Amino acid sequence: MNEDFLDKRILVTGASKGLGWVVANEFALRGARLVVCGRNEEKLQELKAQFLSPDRHSTFAGDLLELKNIKKLEEICRSFLGGLDIIIHVAGGGYGFRDPLLTWEQFDKLLKINVSCAVEINRRIVPGMIKVGYGRVIHVGSIAGQEATASVGYNTVKAALSGYVRSLGRELAGSGVVVTGILPGAFYAPGNSWRRLKENKPEVVEQFIKEKLPRGKIAEAEELIPLFLLLAGEGSSMFGGSCVPIDAGEGKSFMQS
C-alpha cells in the first residue's frame, strides 16, 4: 500500500453518490480514516461497508443546507477522528435550475450548496489545522465558473467558489494549510448528472461530445483522482489558492486562477 495517506483524517462531503463516492473509495484504499457525508444514509452505509476496514470510518447523513447538520458533522469529525487533516468538498450541483432569471430561493439554494456550506465547514475546522500548522482543503468547482458554459446559476456560484478558493488560499499562505480547487469538465460518476443524462437523453450527450470534447469521449471520475492525490498530498504547497482545470481540452480559456 502507498502510505502517503495512511491514517490521514479526511472528511468527504457529497459522498453518497457521484464523484464523492469515487474519491472516498480511493482514500480509504490508501489507508486514510474517513468521515463520509451525504444525504442518503443507505448509500453511505453501502459505501462504508465496501471499505477494507469499515470500523475505521464513520458516516453522517444530513442536508448541509441546514446549519444544525453542519454542527453535527463537525461534532462527528472531532469525536470520531479527533480533528481533520484533509477536507474534500465535493457536495454541489445545479438542481436543474435552467431559467436564467432565477428566483431568490433558487439562487440562495445554489449558493448555499456550492459555496456557503464549504465556507461554514472551513470556518469551524480550519482554525484547528492552522493551530497544528498542517491541512489540505480541496473544493470541487467547474470549468463553468470560468467560461459560462452551463446555466446562469451554476456558472455564477462556481465562479464565486473559485474566487473564495483564490482569496482564502492567499490568506492562509504560510500557515501550513493549503486551500485549492479543481475545475473538472464533463465526467461520468455513479449517479451523477452526466450519467443520468446519458441514460435518459443519449442523443444530447453524443451531440455534446461531438461539439465540445477533442478526444471524443466524456471522462470517468477515476481520471480525476490523480489531481486529488496531488492536492491532498505533501507536495501541494505551491498550489495554495489555485483552481486547477482538469478537462481534457474541453475548456478554451487562457486565463486560469
Protein backbone atom coordinates (compact mmCIF):
# COMPACT_ATOMS: atom_id res chain seq x y z
CA MET A 1 0.00 0.00 0.00
CA ASN A 2 1.17 3.52 -0.78
CA GLU A 3 1.39 5.08 2.69
CA ASP A 4 1.15 8.78 1.77
CA PHE A 5 -2.36 8.91 3.23
CA LEU A 6 -2.10 6.19 5.86
CA ASP A 7 -4.12 7.27 8.91
CA LYS A 8 -4.79 10.74 7.48
CA ARG A 9 -8.10 12.01 8.82
CA ILE A 10 -10.33 13.05 5.93
CA LEU A 11 -13.82 14.47 5.50
CA VAL A 12 -15.50 13.92 2.13
CA THR A 13 -18.81 15.70 1.50
CA GLY A 14 -21.23 14.66 -1.23
CA ALA A 15 -20.08 11.05 -0.79
CA SER A 16 -23.37 9.17 -1.14
CA LYS A 17 -23.01 9.17 -4.94
CA GLY A 18 -21.02 10.58 -7.82
CA LEU A 19 -17.51 11.94 -7.53
CA GLY A 20 -17.61 11.98 -3.73
CA TRP A 21 -18.26 8.22 -3.73
CA VAL A 22 -15.27 7.60 -6.01
CA VAL A 23 -12.96 9.92 -4.05
CA ALA A 24 -13.90 8.35 -0.71
CA ASN A 25 -13.20 4.86 -2.03
CA GLU A 26 -9.77 5.90 -3.26
CA PHE A 27 -8.62 7.43 0.01
CA ALA A 28 -9.99 4.51 2.02
CA LEU A 29 -7.93 2.15 -0.14
CA ARG A 30 -4.88 4.26 0.68
CA GLY A 31 -5.32 3.77 4.40
CA ALA A 32 -6.97 7.04 5.37
CA ARG A 33 -9.64 7.29 8.06
CA LEU A 34 -12.79 8.92 6.75
CA VAL A 35 -15.96 10.68 7.71
CA VAL A 36 -18.18 10.45 4.63
CA CYS A 37 -21.11 12.82 4.39
CA GLY A 38 -24.17 12.90 2.15
CA ARG A 39 -27.96 12.97 2.23
CA ASN A 40 -28.63 9.27 1.67
CA GLU A 41 -27.96 7.16 4.77
CA GLU A 42 -28.49 3.86 2.94
CA LYS A 43 -25.94 4.72 0.25
CA LEU A 44 -23.42 5.95 2.81
CA GLN A 45 -23.70 2.68 4.72
CA GLU A 46 -23.25 0.80 1.44
CA LEU A 47 -20.12 2.84 0.74
CA LYS A 48 -18.71 2.24 4.21
CA ALA A 49 -19.41 -1.49 4.02
CA GLN A 50 -17.21 -1.88 0.96
CA PHE A 51 -14.19 -0.27 2.64
CA LEU A 52 -11.49 -2.75 3.68
CA SER A 53 -11.85 -1.85 7.38
CA PRO A 54 -15.32 -0.31 7.83
CA ASP A 55 -14.86 0.34 11.57
CA ARG A 56 -12.10 2.84 10.80
CA HIS A 57 -14.64 5.11 9.13
CA SER A 58 -17.83 6.96 10.04
CA THR A 59 -20.82 8.33 8.13
CA PHE A 60 -23.06 11.33 8.50
CA ALA A 61 -26.36 11.59 6.65
CA GLY A 62 -27.93 15.03 6.57
CA ASP A 63 -28.74 18.01 4.40
CA LEU A 64 -25.92 20.53 4.78
CA LEU A 65 -28.29 23.32 3.75
CA GLU A 66 -29.39 23.17 7.40
CA LEU A 67 -26.85 24.74 9.75
CA LYS A 68 -27.69 22.29 12.52
CA ASN A 69 -26.40 19.46 10.33
CA ILE A 70 -23.08 21.20 9.76
CA LYS A 71 -22.76 21.49 13.54
CA LYS A 72 -23.48 17.75 13.90
CA LEU A 73 -20.97 16.94 11.16
CA GLU A 74 -18.29 18.96 12.96
CA GLU A 75 -19.02 17.08 16.19
CA ILE A 76 -18.61 13.71 14.46
CA CYS A 77 -15.32 14.75 12.87
CA ARG A 78 -13.99 15.81 16.27
CA SER A 79 -15.35 12.91 18.32
CA PHE A 80 -14.58 10.12 15.84
CA LEU A 81 -11.34 11.36 14.29
CA GLY A 82 -10.14 13.92 16.83
CA GLY A 83 -9.84 16.51 14.08
CA LEU A 84 -9.11 16.60 10.37
CA ASP A 85 -6.01 16.68 8.19
CA ILE A 86 -7.85 16.95 4.88
CA ILE A 87 -11.26 18.29 3.81
CA ILE A 88 -12.58 17.43 0.36
CA HIS A 89 -15.65 19.48 -0.52
CA VAL A 90 -17.46 17.59 -3.28
CA ALA A 91 -21.07 18.49 -2.44
CA GLY A 92 -22.62 20.79 -5.02
CA GLY A 93 -24.81 20.89 -8.09
CA GLY A 94 -27.21 22.87 -10.20
CA TYR A 95 -30.54 21.36 -9.04
CA GLY A 96 -31.78 21.52 -12.63
CA PHE A 97 -32.41 25.27 -12.41
CA ARG A 98 -32.23 26.29 -16.09
CA ASP A 99 -34.22 29.53 -16.13
CA PRO A 100 -31.71 32.40 -16.39
CA LEU A 101 -33.97 34.61 -14.25
CA LEU A 102 -33.56 32.70 -11.02
CA THR A 103 -35.82 33.23 -8.07
CA TRP A 104 -34.37 34.41 -4.75
CA GLU A 105 -34.95 30.96 -3.27
CA GLN A 106 -33.31 29.13 -6.18
CA PHE A 107 -30.18 31.26 -6.15
CA ASP A 108 -29.92 31.05 -2.38
CA LYS A 109 -30.07 27.25 -2.56
CA LEU A 110 -27.41 27.10 -5.28
CA LEU A 111 -25.12 29.44 -3.38
CA LYS A 112 -25.50 27.51 -0.14
CA ILE A 113 -24.76 24.04 -1.50
CA ASN A 114 -21.91 25.12 -3.78
CA VAL A 115 -20.22 27.76 -1.61
CA SER A 116 -21.72 28.55 1.79
CA CYS A 117 -21.65 25.01 3.18
CA ALA A 118 -17.94 24.73 2.44
CA VAL A 119 -17.34 28.19 3.88
CA GLU A 120 -19.04 27.22 7.16
CA ILE A 121 -17.27 23.87 7.42
CA ASN A 122 -13.94 25.61 6.85
CA ARG A 123 -14.76 28.23 9.47
CA ARG A 124 -15.27 25.50 12.02
CA ILE A 125 -12.43 23.13 11.10
CA VAL A 126 -9.60 25.15 9.55
CA PRO A 127 -8.61 27.00 12.77
CA GLY A 128 -7.57 23.64 14.21
CA MET A 129 -5.45 22.98 11.12
CA ILE A 130 -3.80 26.39 11.47
CA LYS A 131 -3.06 25.66 15.11
CA VAL A 132 -1.11 22.49 14.26
CA GLY A 133 0.39 24.02 11.11
CA TYR A 134 -0.99 21.50 8.63
CA GLY A 135 -4.08 20.97 6.48
CA ARG A 136 -5.31 20.39 2.97
CA VAL A 137 -8.69 21.78 1.84
CA ILE A 138 -9.90 20.88 -1.65
CA HIS A 139 -13.01 22.34 -3.29
CA VAL A 140 -14.64 20.84 -6.38
CA GLY A 141 -15.60 23.64 -8.76
CA SER A 142 -16.13 23.51 -12.51
CA ILE A 143 -14.77 24.97 -15.72
CA ALA A 144 -18.26 26.51 -15.96
CA GLY A 145 -17.07 29.00 -13.37
CA GLN A 146 -14.55 30.37 -15.86
CA GLU A 147 -16.30 30.09 -19.20
CA ALA A 148 -20.04 30.36 -18.50
CA THR A 149 -20.73 27.08 -20.27
CA ALA A 150 -23.66 25.97 -18.10
CA SER A 151 -26.74 27.64 -16.61
CA VAL A 152 -26.63 31.18 -15.24
CA GLY A 153 -26.98 30.00 -11.66
CA TYR A 154 -24.40 27.23 -11.89
CA ASN A 155 -21.88 29.43 -13.70
CA THR A 156 -22.28 32.16 -11.10
CA VAL A 157 -21.88 30.07 -7.97
CA LYS A 158 -18.95 28.11 -9.36
CA ALA A 159 -17.25 31.41 -10.26
CA ALA A 160 -17.90 32.54 -6.68
CA LEU A 161 -16.33 29.33 -5.38
CA SER A 162 -13.19 29.94 -7.43
CA GLY A 163 -12.98 33.46 -6.01
CA TYR A 164 -13.31 32.09 -2.50
CA VAL A 165 -10.57 29.50 -3.03
CA ARG A 166 -8.22 32.07 -4.52
CA SER A 167 -8.84 34.52 -1.70
CA LEU A 168 -8.72 32.08 1.20
CA GLY A 169 -5.67 30.36 -0.22
CA ARG A 170 -3.80 33.68 -0.21
CA GLU A 171 -4.90 34.50 3.32
CA LEU A 172 -3.67 31.15 4.64
CA ALA A 173 -0.40 31.07 2.70
CA GLY A 174 2.38 30.30 5.13
CA SER A 175 0.08 28.73 7.72
CA GLY A 176 0.67 25.18 6.54
CA VAL A 177 -2.94 24.95 5.34
CA VAL A 178 -3.18 24.63 1.55
CA VAL A 179 -6.54 25.62 0.06
CA THR A 180 -7.15 24.56 -3.54
CA GLY A 181 -9.86 23.92 -6.10
CA ILE A 182 -10.26 21.61 -9.04
CA LEU A 183 -12.20 22.62 -12.14
CA PRO A 184 -13.43 19.49 -13.91
CA GLY A 185 -15.01 19.33 -17.30
CA ALA A 186 -17.70 16.75 -18.04
CA PHE A 187 -17.28 13.38 -16.38
CA TYR A 188 -19.28 10.27 -15.52
CA ALA A 189 -19.62 9.13 -11.91
CA PRO A 190 -22.12 6.84 -10.17
CA GLY A 191 -25.50 8.57 -10.22
CA ASN A 192 -24.20 11.96 -11.37
CA SER A 193 -25.93 14.30 -13.82
CA TRP A 194 -23.92 13.20 -16.86
CA ARG A 195 -24.64 9.55 -16.12
CA ARG A 196 -28.36 10.29 -15.81
CA LEU A 197 -28.34 12.36 -18.99
CA LYS A 198 -26.66 9.54 -20.90
CA GLU A 199 -29.37 7.15 -19.73
CA ASN A 200 -32.29 9.47 -20.44
CA LYS A 201 -31.14 11.56 -23.41
CA PRO A 202 -28.18 9.83 -25.07
CA GLU A 203 -28.56 11.95 -28.19
CA VAL A 204 -27.85 15.10 -26.16
CA VAL A 205 -24.68 13.57 -24.75
CA GLU A 206 -23.49 12.45 -28.18
CA GLN A 207 -24.01 15.94 -29.58
CA PHE A 208 -22.09 17.44 -26.67
CA ILE A 209 -19.19 15.05 -27.20
CA LYS A 210 -19.11 15.83 -30.91
CA GLU A 211 -19.11 19.60 -30.43
CA LYS A 212 -17.12 20.07 -27.21
CA LEU A 213 -14.69 17.25 -26.47
CA PRO A 214 -11.48 17.00 -28.51
CA ARG A 215 -10.72 13.43 -27.50
CA GLY A 216 -14.23 12.25 -28.36
CA LYS A 217 -15.43 10.95 -25.01
CA ILE A 218 -16.59 12.04 -21.58
CA ALA A 219 -14.19 11.31 -18.74
CA GLU A 220 -14.68 8.78 -15.98
CA ALA A 221 -14.46 10.11 -12.42
CA GLU A 222 -11.43 7.91 -11.77
CA GLU A 223 -9.46 10.07 -14.21
CA LEU A 224 -9.73 12.98 -11.77
CA ILE A 225 -8.20 11.01 -8.90
CA PRO A 226 -4.53 11.82 -9.64
CA LEU A 227 -5.28 15.53 -9.16
CA PHE A 228 -6.98 14.88 -5.82
CA LEU A 229 -3.98 12.86 -4.68
CA LEU A 230 -1.61 15.64 -5.69
CA LEU A 231 -3.55 18.43 -4.00
CA ALA A 232 -4.20 16.39 -0.85
CA GLY A 233 -0.58 15.33 -0.57
CA GLU A 234 2.62 16.63 0.94
CA GLY A 235 3.83 18.17 -2.31
CA SER A 236 0.93 20.57 -2.84
CA SER A 237 2.31 23.64 -1.05
CA MET A 238 2.78 25.69 -4.23
CA PHE A 239 -0.86 25.14 -5.21
CA GLY A 240 -2.26 27.25 -2.38
CA GLY A 241 -5.06 29.44 -3.75
CA SER A 242 -5.01 27.71 -7.13
CA CYS A 243 -8.00 26.36 -9.06
CA VAL A 244 -6.69 23.69 -11.39
CA PRO A 245 -8.58 22.77 -14.59
CA ILE A 246 -8.86 19.09 -15.46
CA ASP A 247 -10.95 18.84 -18.61
CA ALA A 248 -9.02 17.06 -21.41
CA GLY A 249 -9.16 20.18 -23.58
CA GLU A 250 -12.87 20.89 -23.14
CA GLY A 251 -12.16 24.36 -21.79
CA LYS A 252 -10.91 27.16 -24.02
CA SER A 253 -9.96 29.86 -21.54
CA PHE A 254 -6.33 31.02 -21.43
CA MET A 255 -6.78 32.68 -18.04
CA GLN A 256 -6.69 30.35 -15.05
CA SER A 257 -6.93 31.14 -11.36
